[in-house]
Amino acid sequence: MDNLDEKKIWSEQDIIDLHVKTFGVEPVVTGAMVWESDTFIDRVIDAINKGEPYVENKVPKGVVT
């Protein structure tokens, strides 16, 4: 992706801003991936590279995040 400088150290806010610039919306974070919060930046970068907005699954009823 042209907007993604692989030499830059990306913060979570940088990636959210790039997602908004690319798709016009923020990534959809439901908490379904809360146990993998350390991979959030990688998952959003993957979505941007695929050309698909990042959207997490809904959290099932009764599940506490």
PDB file of N, CA and C in Angstrom:
ATOM      1  N   MET A   1       0.840  -1.174   0.000  1.00  0.00           N
ATOM      2  CA  MET A   1       0.000   0.000   0.000  1.00  0.00           C
ATOM      3  C   MET A   1       0.879   1.229   0.000  1.00  0.00           C
ATOM      4  N   ASP A   2       0.544   2.196  -0.810  1.00  0.00           N
ATOM      5  CA  ASP A   2       1.350   3.397  -0.947  1.00  0.00           C
ATOM      6  C   ASP A   2       1.394   4.239   0.326  1.00  0.00           C
ATOM      7  N   ASN A   3       0.297   4.261   1.087  1.00  0.00           N
ATOM      8  CA  ASN A   3       0.233   5.086   2.289  1.00  0.00           C
ATOM      9  C   ASN A   3       0.982   4.481   3.467  1.00  0.00           C
ATOM     10  N   LEU A   4       1.411   3.241   3.353  1.00  0.00           N
ATOM     11  CA  LEU A   4       2.004   2.522   4.463  1.00  0.00           C
ATOM     12  C   LEU A   4       3.520   2.503   4.344  1.00  0.00           C
ATOM     13  N   ASP A   5       4.182   3.298   5.184  1.00  0.00           N
ATOM     14  CA  ASP A   5       5.642   3.342   5.216  1.00  0.00           C
ATOM     15  C   ASP A   5       6.111   2.278   6.199  1.00  0.00           C
ATOM     16  N   GLU A   6       6.659   1.196   5.676  1.00  0.00           N
ATOM     17  CA  GLU A   6       7.044   0.069   6.524  1.00  0.00           C
ATOM     18  C   GLU A   6       8.197   0.399   7.463  1.00  0.00           C
ATOM     19  N   LYS A   7       8.922   1.471   7.222  1.00  0.00           N
ATOM     20  CA  LYS A   7      10.032   1.847   8.091  1.00  0.00           C
ATOM     21  C   LYS A   7       9.549   2.652   9.289  1.00  0.00           C
ATOM     22  N   LYS A   8       8.325   3.169   9.218  1.00  0.00           N
ATOM     23  CA  LYS A   8       7.782   3.987  10.297  1.00  0.00           C
ATOM     24  C   LYS A   8       7.318   3.089  11.438  1.00  0.00           C
ATOM     25  N   ILE A   9       7.449   3.585  12.654  1.00  0.00           N
ATOM     26  CA  ILE A   9       6.880   2.897  13.808  1.00  0.00           C
ATOM     27  C   ILE A   9       5.468   3.439  13.973  1.00  0.00           C
ATOM     28  N   TRP A  10       4.495   2.567  13.757  1.00  0.00           N
ATOM     29  CA  TRP A  10       3.091   2.969  13.753  1.00  0.00           C
ATOM     30  C   TRP A  10       2.477   2.839  15.143  1.00  0.00           C
ATOM     31  N   SER A  11       1.781   3.888  15.569  1.00  0.00           N
ATOM     32  CA  SER A  11       1.014   3.813  16.809  1.00  0.00           C
ATOM     33  C   SER A  11      -0.401   3.370  16.467  1.00  0.00           C
ATOM     34  N   GLU A  12      -1.151   3.011  17.472  1.00  0.00           N
ATOM     35  CA  GLU A  12      -2.541   2.623  17.261  1.00  0.00           C
ATOM     36  C   GLU A  12      -3.317   3.766  16.598  1.00  0.00           C
ATOM     37  N   GLN A  13      -3.079   4.998  17.057  1.00  0.00           N
ATOM     38  CA  GLN A  13      -3.788   6.149  16.476  1.00  0.00           C
ATOM     39  C   GLN A  13      -3.376   6.383  15.027  1.00  0.00           C
ATOM     40  N   ASP A  14      -2.102   6.173  14.693  1.00  0.00           N
ATOM     41  CA  ASP A  14      -1.658   6.289  13.299  1.00  0.00           C
ATOM     42  C   ASP A  14      -2.450   5.341  12.398  1.00  0.00           C
ATOM     43  N   ILE A  15      -2.627   4.117  12.866  1.00  0.00           N
ATOM     44  CA  ILE A  15      -3.314   3.107  12.070  1.00  0.00           C
ATOM     45  C   ILE A  15      -4.800   3.437  11.946  1.00  0.00           C
ATOM     46  N   ILE A  16      -5.400   3.908  13.023  1.00  0.00           N
ATOM     47  CA  ILE A  16      -6.808   4.324  12.954  1.00  0.00           C
ATOM     48  C   ILE A  16      -6.957   5.471  11.968  1.00  0.00           C
ATOM     49  N   ASP A  17      -6.057   6.441  12.033  1.00  0.00           N
ATOM     50  CA  ASP A  17      -6.105   7.585  11.107  1.00  0.00           C
ATOM     51  C   ASP A  17      -5.939   7.133   9.657  1.00  0.00           C
ATOM     52  N   LEU A  18      -5.032   6.188   9.408  1.00  0.00           N
ATOM     53  CA  LEU A  18      -4.823   5.678   8.062  1.00  0.00           C
ATOM     54  C   LEU A  18      -6.059   4.915   7.577  1.00  0.00           C
ATOM     55  N   HIS A  19      -6.689   4.170   8.465  1.00  0.00           N
ATOM     56  CA  HIS A  19      -7.926   3.448   8.135  1.00  0.00           C
ATOM     57  C   HIS A  19      -9.010   4.458   7.732  1.00  0.00           C
ATOM     58  N   VAL A  20      -9.157   5.523   8.506  1.00  0.00           N
ATOM     59  CA  VAL A  20     -10.148   6.558   8.191  1.00  0.00           C
ATOM     60  C   VAL A  20      -9.814   7.213   6.855  1.00  0.00           C
ATOM     61  N   LYS A  21      -8.550   7.514   6.626  1.00  0.00           N
ATOM     62  CA  LYS A  21      -8.137   8.125   5.359  1.00  0.00           C
ATOM     63  C   LYS A  21      -8.427   7.192   4.182  1.00  0.00           C
ATOM     64  N   THR A  22      -8.230   5.899   4.386  1.00  0.00           N
ATOM     65  CA  THR A  22      -8.405   4.915   3.322  1.00  0.00           C
ATOM     66  C   THR A  22      -9.876   4.598   3.051  1.00  0.00           C
ATOM     67  N   PHE A  23     -10.663   4.420   4.121  1.00  0.00           N
ATOM     68  CA  PHE A  23     -12.036   3.943   3.968  1.00  0.00           C
ATOM     69  C   PHE A  23     -13.115   4.953   4.350  1.00  0.00           C
ATOM     70  N   GLY A  24     -12.719   6.033   5.021  1.00  0.00           N
ATOM     71  CA  GLY A  24     -13.701   7.037   5.428  1.00  0.00           C
ATOM     72  C   GLY A  24     -14.408   6.725   6.732  1.00  0.00           C
ATOM     73  N   VAL A  25     -14.016   5.636   7.385  1.00  0.00           N
ATOM     74  CA  VAL A  25     -14.605   5.242   8.668  1.00  0.00           C
ATOM     75  C   VAL A  25     -13.519   4.661   9.566  1.00  0.00           C
ATOM     76  N   GLU A  26     -13.769   4.706  10.870  1.00  0.00           N
ATOM     77  CA  GLU A  26     -12.848   4.083  11.813  1.00  0.00           C
ATOM     78  C   GLU A  26     -13.020   2.567  11.785  1.00  0.00           C
ATOM     79  N   PRO A  27     -11.996   1.828  12.201  1.00  0.00           N
ATOM     80  CA  PRO A  27     -12.157   0.376  12.326  1.00  0.00           C
ATOM     81  C   PRO A  27     -13.280   0.078  13.327  1.00  0.00           C
ATOM     82  N   VAL A  28     -14.031  -0.980  13.083  1.00  0.00           N
ATOM     83  CA  VAL A  28     -15.104  -1.374  13.997  1.00  0.00           C
ATOM     84  C   VAL A  28     -14.527  -2.356  15.009  1.00  0.00           C
ATOM     85  N   VAL A  29     -14.448  -1.902  16.251  1.00  0.00           N
ATOM     86  CA  VAL A  29     -13.889  -2.707  17.331  1.00  0.00           C
ATOM     87  C   VAL A  29     -15.021  -3.012  18.305  1.00  0.00           C
ATOM     88  N   THR A  30     -15.386  -4.285  18.407  1.00  0.00           N
ATOM     89  CA  THR A  30     -16.494  -4.698  19.261  1.00  0.00           C
ATOM     90  C   THR A  30     -16.033  -5.263  20.597  1.00  0.00           C
ATOM     91  N   GLY A  31     -14.765  -5.640  20.661  1.00  0.00           N
ATOM     92  CA  GLY A  31     -14.241  -6.303  21.844  1.00  0.00           C
ATOM     93  C   GLY A  31     -14.121  -7.804  21.655  1.00  0.00           C
ATOM     94  N   ALA A  32     -14.555  -8.294  20.493  1.00  0.00           N
ATOM     95  CA  ALA A  32     -14.495  -9.728  20.230  1.00  0.00           C
ATOM     96  C   ALA A  32     -13.059 -10.239  20.189  1.00  0.00           C
ATOM     97  N   MET A  33     -12.121  -9.368  19.902  1.00  0.00           N
ATOM     98  CA  MET A  33     -10.717  -9.770  19.812  1.00  0.00           C
ATOM     99  C   MET A  33      -9.899  -9.222  20.982  1.00  0.00           C
ATOM    100  N   VAL A  34     -10.556  -8.926  22.090  1.00  0.00           N
ATOM    101  CA  VAL A  34      -9.895  -8.282  23.226  1.00  0.00           C
ATOM    102  C   VAL A  34      -8.694  -9.086  23.725  1.00  0.00           C
ATOM    103  N   TRP A  35      -8.758 -10.410  23.666  1.00  0.00           N
ATOM    104  CA  TRP A  35      -7.640 -11.244  24.133  1.00  0.00           C
ATOM    105  C   TRP A  35      -6.437 -11.160  23.203  1.00  0.00           C
ATOM    106  N   GLU A  36      -6.635 -10.568  21.998  1.00  0.00           N
ATOM    107  CA  GLU A  36      -5.537 -10.393  21.056  1.00  0.00           C
ATOM    108  C   GLU A  36      -5.269  -8.907  20.807  1.00  0.00           C
ATOM    109  N   SER A  37      -5.435  -8.101  21.842  1.00  0.00           N
ATOM    110  CA  SER A  37      -5.287  -6.653  21.675  1.00  0.00           C
ATOM    111  C   SER A  37      -3.880  -6.259  21.234  1.00  0.00           C
ATOM    112  N   ASP A  38      -2.890  -7.093  21.514  1.00  0.00           N
ATOM    113  CA  ASP A  38      -1.523  -6.782  21.108  1.00  0.00           C
ATOM    114  C   ASP A  38      -1.309  -6.937  19.599  1.00  0.00           C
ATOM    115  N   THR A  39      -2.277  -7.517  18.895  1.00  0.00           N
ATOM    116  CA  THR A  39      -2.159  -7.670  17.436  1.00  0.00           C
ATOM    117  C   THR A  39      -3.077  -6.718  16.670  1.00  0.00           C
ATOM    118  N   PHE A  40      -3.701  -5.770  17.376  1.00  0.00           N
ATOM    119  CA  PHE A  40      -4.650  -4.855  16.739  1.00  0.00           C
ATOM    120  C   PHE A  40      -4.033  -4.133  15.546  1.00  0.00           C
ATOM    121  N   ILE A  41      -2.864  -3.556  15.714  1.00  0.00           N
ATOM    122  CA  ILE A  41      -2.231  -2.806  14.628  1.00  0.00           C
ATOM    123  C   ILE A  41      -2.004  -3.719  13.423  1.00  0.00           C
ATOM    124  N   ASP A  42      -1.496  -4.915  13.650  1.00  0.00           N
ATOM    125  CA  ASP A  42      -1.256  -5.857  12.546  1.00  0.00           C
ATOM    126  C   ASP A  42      -2.548  -6.237  11.839  1.00  0.00           C
ATOM    127  N   ARG A  43      -3.606  -6.463  12.604  1.00  0.00           N
ATOM    128  CA  ARG A  43      -4.883  -6.859  11.997  1.00  0.00           C
ATOM    129  C   ARG A  43      -5.478  -5.740  11.154  1.00  0.00           C
ATOM    130  N   VAL A  44      -5.360  -4.504  11.624  1.00  0.00           N
ATOM    131  CA  VAL A  44      -5.890  -3.376  10.852  1.00  0.00           C
ATOM    132  C   VAL A  44      -5.024  -3.127   9.614  1.00  0.00           C
ATOM    133  N   ILE A  45      -3.713  -3.234   9.735  1.00  0.00           N
ATOM    134  CA  ILE A  45      -2.834  -3.100   8.571  1.00  0.00           C
ATOM    135  C   ILE A  45      -3.175  -4.162   7.534  1.00  0.00           C
ATOM    136  N   ASP A  46      -3.409  -5.406   7.970  1.00  0.00           N
ATOM    137  CA  ASP A  46      -3.795  -6.473   7.041  1.00  0.00           C
ATOM    138  C   ASP A  46      -5.080  -6.115   6.306  1.00  0.00           C
ATOM    139  N   ALA A  47      -6.064  -5.587   7.030  1.00  0.00           N
ATOM    140  CA  ALA A  47      -7.328  -5.195   6.404  1.00  0.00           C
ATOM    141  C   ALA A  47      -7.103  -4.085   5.379  1.00  0.00           C
ATOM    142  N   ILE A  48      -6.289  -3.099   5.724  1.00  0.00           N
ATOM    143  CA  ILE A  48      -5.990  -2.003   4.794  1.00  0.00           C
ATOM    144  C   ILE A  48      -5.308  -2.560   3.550  1.00  0.00           C
ATOM    145  N   ASN A  49      -4.341  -3.429   3.741  1.00  0.00           N
ATOM    146  CA  ASN A  49      -3.635  -4.023   2.607  1.00  0.00           C
ATOM    147  C   ASN A  49      -4.556  -4.846   1.714  1.00  0.00           C
ATOM    148  N   LYS A  50      -5.565  -5.475   2.306  1.00  0.00           N
ATOM    149  CA  LYS A  50      -6.538  -6.259   1.534  1.00  0.00           C
ATOM    150  C   LYS A  50      -7.588  -5.372   0.862  1.00  0.00           C
ATOM    151  N   GLY A  51      -7.643  -4.099   1.271  1.00  0.00           N
ATOM    152  CA  GLY A  51      -8.634  -3.192   0.711  1.00  0.00           C
ATOM    153  C   GLY A  51     -10.015  -3.356   1.320  1.00  0.00           C
ATOM    154  N   GLU A  52     -10.053  -3.890   2.541  1.00  0.00           N
ATOM    155  CA  GLU A  52     -11.314  -4.138   3.231  1.00  0.00           C
ATOM    156  C   GLU A  52     -11.308  -3.426   4.579  1.00  0.00           C
ATOM    157  N   PRO A  53     -12.372  -2.679   4.899  1.00  0.00           N
ATOM    158  CA  PRO A  53     -12.434  -2.063   6.231  1.00  0.00           C
ATOM    159  C   PRO A  53     -12.352  -3.121   7.328  1.00  0.00           C
ATOM    160  N   TYR A  54     -11.719  -2.770   8.437  1.00  0.00           N
ATOM    161  CA  TYR A  54     -11.583  -3.687   9.570  1.00  0.00           C
ATOM    162  C   TYR A  54     -12.877  -3.684  10.369  1.00  0.00           C
ATOM    163  N   VAL A  55     -13.479  -4.850  10.514  1.00  0.00           N
ATOM    164  CA  VAL A  55     -14.711  -5.004  11.291  1.00  0.00           C
ATOM    165  C   VAL A  55     -14.604  -6.296  12.098  1.00  0.00           C
ATOM    166  N   GLU A  56     -14.676  -6.164  13.425  1.00  0.00           N
ATOM    167  CA  GLU A  56     -14.670  -7.338  14.280  1.00  0.00           C
ATOM    168  C   GLU A  56     -16.080  -7.921  14.355  1.00  0.00           C
ATOM    169  N   ASN A  57     -16.145  -9.210  14.642  1.00  0.00           N
ATOM    170  CA  ASN A  57     -17.438  -9.862  14.853  1.00  0.00           C
ATOM    171  C   ASN A  57     -18.124  -9.278  16.074  1.00  0.00           C
ATOM    172  N   LYS A  58     -19.455  -9.405  16.114  1.00  0.00           N
ATOM    173  CA  LYS A  58     -20.201  -8.996  17.309  1.00  0.00           C
ATOM    174  C   LYS A  58     -19.878  -9.959  18.444  1.00  0.00           C
ATOM    175  N   VAL A  59     -19.930  -9.437  19.654  1.00  0.00           N
ATOM    176  CA  VAL A  59     -19.714 -10.257  20.833  1.00  0.00           C
ATOM    177  C   VAL A  59     -21.047 -10.934  21.167  1.00  0.00           C
ATOM    178  N   PRO A  60     -21.049 -12.261  21.320  1.00  0.00           N
ATOM    179  CA  PRO A  60     -22.282 -12.963  21.643  1.00  0.00           C
ATOM    180  C   PRO A  60     -22.876 -12.488  22.980  1.00  0.00           C
ATOM    181  N   LYS A  61     -24.197 -12.550  23.080  1.00  0.00           N
ATOM    182  CA  LYS A  61     -24.863 -12.189  24.331  1.00  0.00           C
ATOM    183  C   LYS A  61     -24.331 -13.041  25.479  1.00  0.00           C
ATOM    184  N   GLY A  62     -24.164 -12.401  26.614  1.00  0.00           N
ATOM    185  CA  GLY A  62     -23.712 -13.109  27.802  1.00  0.00           C
ATOM    186  C   GLY A  62     -22.208 -13.182  27.959  1.00  0.00           C
ATOM    187  N   VAL A  63     -21.465 -12.768  26.938  1.00  0.00           N
ATOM    188  CA  VAL A  63     -20.007 -12.793  27.015  1.00  0.00           C
ATOM    189  C   VAL A  63     -19.526 -11.442  27.532  1.00  0.00           C
ATOM    190  N   VAL A  64     -18.710 -11.475  28.550  1.00  0.00           N
ATOM    191  CA  VAL A  64     -18.177 -10.253  29.136  1.00  0.00           C
ATOM    192  C   VAL A  64     -16.799 -10.006  28.538  1.00  0.00           C
ATOM    193  N   THR A  65     -16.593  -8.794  27.993  1.00  0.00           N
ATOM    194  CA  THR A  65     -15.285  -8.454  27.412  1.00  0.00           C
ATOM    195  C   THR A  65     -14.512  -7.553  28.327  1.00  0.00           C
TER     196      THR A  65
END
